[in-house]
Amino acid sequence: MTGRRRRSWRWALVVWAVLVVVAGGLTVWLQDSTEPPGPYVWEESSPTPDLPEDWASTCPTPTADPDGNRFVVACAFISG
């Protein structure tokens, strides 16, 4: 019985290994060829809009907690 169980495990391991190799080969072979070729580079964007003159007074000031940690405050502007 032990030899039969050992052969079953070997057979299962061989089948699993073959499936992994075949799936890996298919993955490489069937890759989407429509992807743009590298290298990828940063593109120039439009210039950053100017902030309003009173932007500092319209955004809340970050405050510190008792441990001295600072809180981050986000401020957004909509220009028309």
Protein backbone atom coordinates (compact mmCIF):
# COMPACT_ATOMS: atom_id res chain seq x y z
CA MET A 1 0.00 0.00 0.00
CA THR A 2 2.86 2.39 0.78
CA GLY A 3 4.42 1.97 -2.66
CA ARG A 4 1.09 2.63 -4.33
CA ARG A 5 0.57 5.84 -2.32
CA ARG A 6 4.10 6.98 -3.11
CA ARG A 7 3.54 6.43 -6.86
CA SER A 8 0.28 8.41 -6.67
CA TRP A 9 2.06 11.37 -5.07
CA ARG A 10 4.84 11.24 -7.66
CA TRP A 11 2.30 11.08 -10.46
CA ALA A 12 0.36 14.04 -9.01
CA LEU A 13 3.60 16.03 -8.62
CA VAL A 14 4.66 15.33 -12.21
CA VAL A 15 1.22 16.30 -13.57
CA TRP A 16 1.27 19.53 -11.50
CA ALA A 17 4.78 20.43 -12.69
CA VAL A 18 3.85 19.82 -16.33
CA LEU A 19 0.73 21.97 -15.96
CA VAL A 20 2.78 24.80 -14.41
CA VAL A 21 5.32 24.70 -17.24
CA VAL A 22 2.62 24.59 -19.94
CA ALA A 23 0.64 27.43 -18.34
CA GLY A 24 3.78 29.56 -18.04
CA GLY A 25 4.69 28.93 -21.67
CA LEU A 26 1.18 29.81 -22.83
CA THR A 27 1.24 32.99 -20.76
CA VAL A 28 4.45 34.14 -22.41
CA TRP A 29 3.32 33.07 -25.88
CA LEU A 30 -0.13 34.65 -25.70
CA GLN A 31 0.92 38.00 -24.20
CA ASP A 32 -0.93 40.95 -25.64
CA SER A 33 1.30 42.34 -28.37
CA THR A 34 -0.68 45.59 -28.58
CA GLU A 35 0.98 47.00 -25.46
CA PRO A 36 3.19 49.97 -26.26
CA PRO A 37 6.90 49.25 -26.17
CA GLY A 38 9.01 50.70 -23.35
CA PRO A 39 10.79 52.59 -22.02
CA TYR A 40 8.09 54.68 -20.44
CA VAL A 41 8.87 58.35 -19.84
CA TRP A 42 7.20 61.30 -18.11
CA GLU A 43 5.17 63.57 -20.34
CA GLU A 44 4.98 67.33 -20.01
CA SER A 45 1.63 68.52 -18.69
CA SER A 46 -0.10 71.86 -18.76
CA PRO A 47 1.27 74.47 -16.37
CA THR A 48 -0.02 74.54 -12.81
CA PRO A 49 -2.68 77.23 -12.32
CA ASP A 50 -1.87 80.13 -10.00
CA LEU A 51 -3.34 80.13 -6.50
CA PRO A 52 -5.63 82.95 -5.44
CA GLU A 53 -3.91 85.77 -3.54
CA ASP A 54 -5.84 85.00 -0.34
CA TRP A 55 -5.30 81.24 -0.46
CA ALA A 56 -3.55 81.11 2.94
CA SER A 57 -6.50 82.71 4.69
CA THR A 58 -9.06 80.35 3.10
CA CYS A 59 -7.29 77.12 4.08
CA PRO A 60 -7.37 75.90 7.67
CA THR A 61 -4.05 75.90 9.54
CA PRO A 62 -2.74 72.50 10.65
CA THR A 63 -2.68 72.13 14.42
CA ALA A 64 -0.49 69.92 16.59
CA ASP A 65 -1.81 67.36 19.01
CA PRO A 66 -0.40 67.05 22.57
CA ASP A 67 2.29 64.61 21.37
CA GLY A 68 3.57 67.14 18.86
CA ASN A 69 2.30 65.30 15.78
CA ARG A 70 0.97 67.55 13.03
CA PHE A 71 -2.26 66.95 11.17
CA VAL A 72 -2.38 67.25 7.41
CA VAL A 73 -4.98 69.56 5.96
CA ALA A 74 -5.98 69.45 2.30
CA CYS A 75 -7.31 72.56 0.58
CA ALA A 76 -8.92 72.58 -2.88
CA PHE A 77 -9.79 75.47 -5.21
CA ILE A 78 -12.12 75.50 -8.16
CA SER A 79 -11.35 77.98 -10.88
CA GLY A 80 -13.89 78.98 -13.43
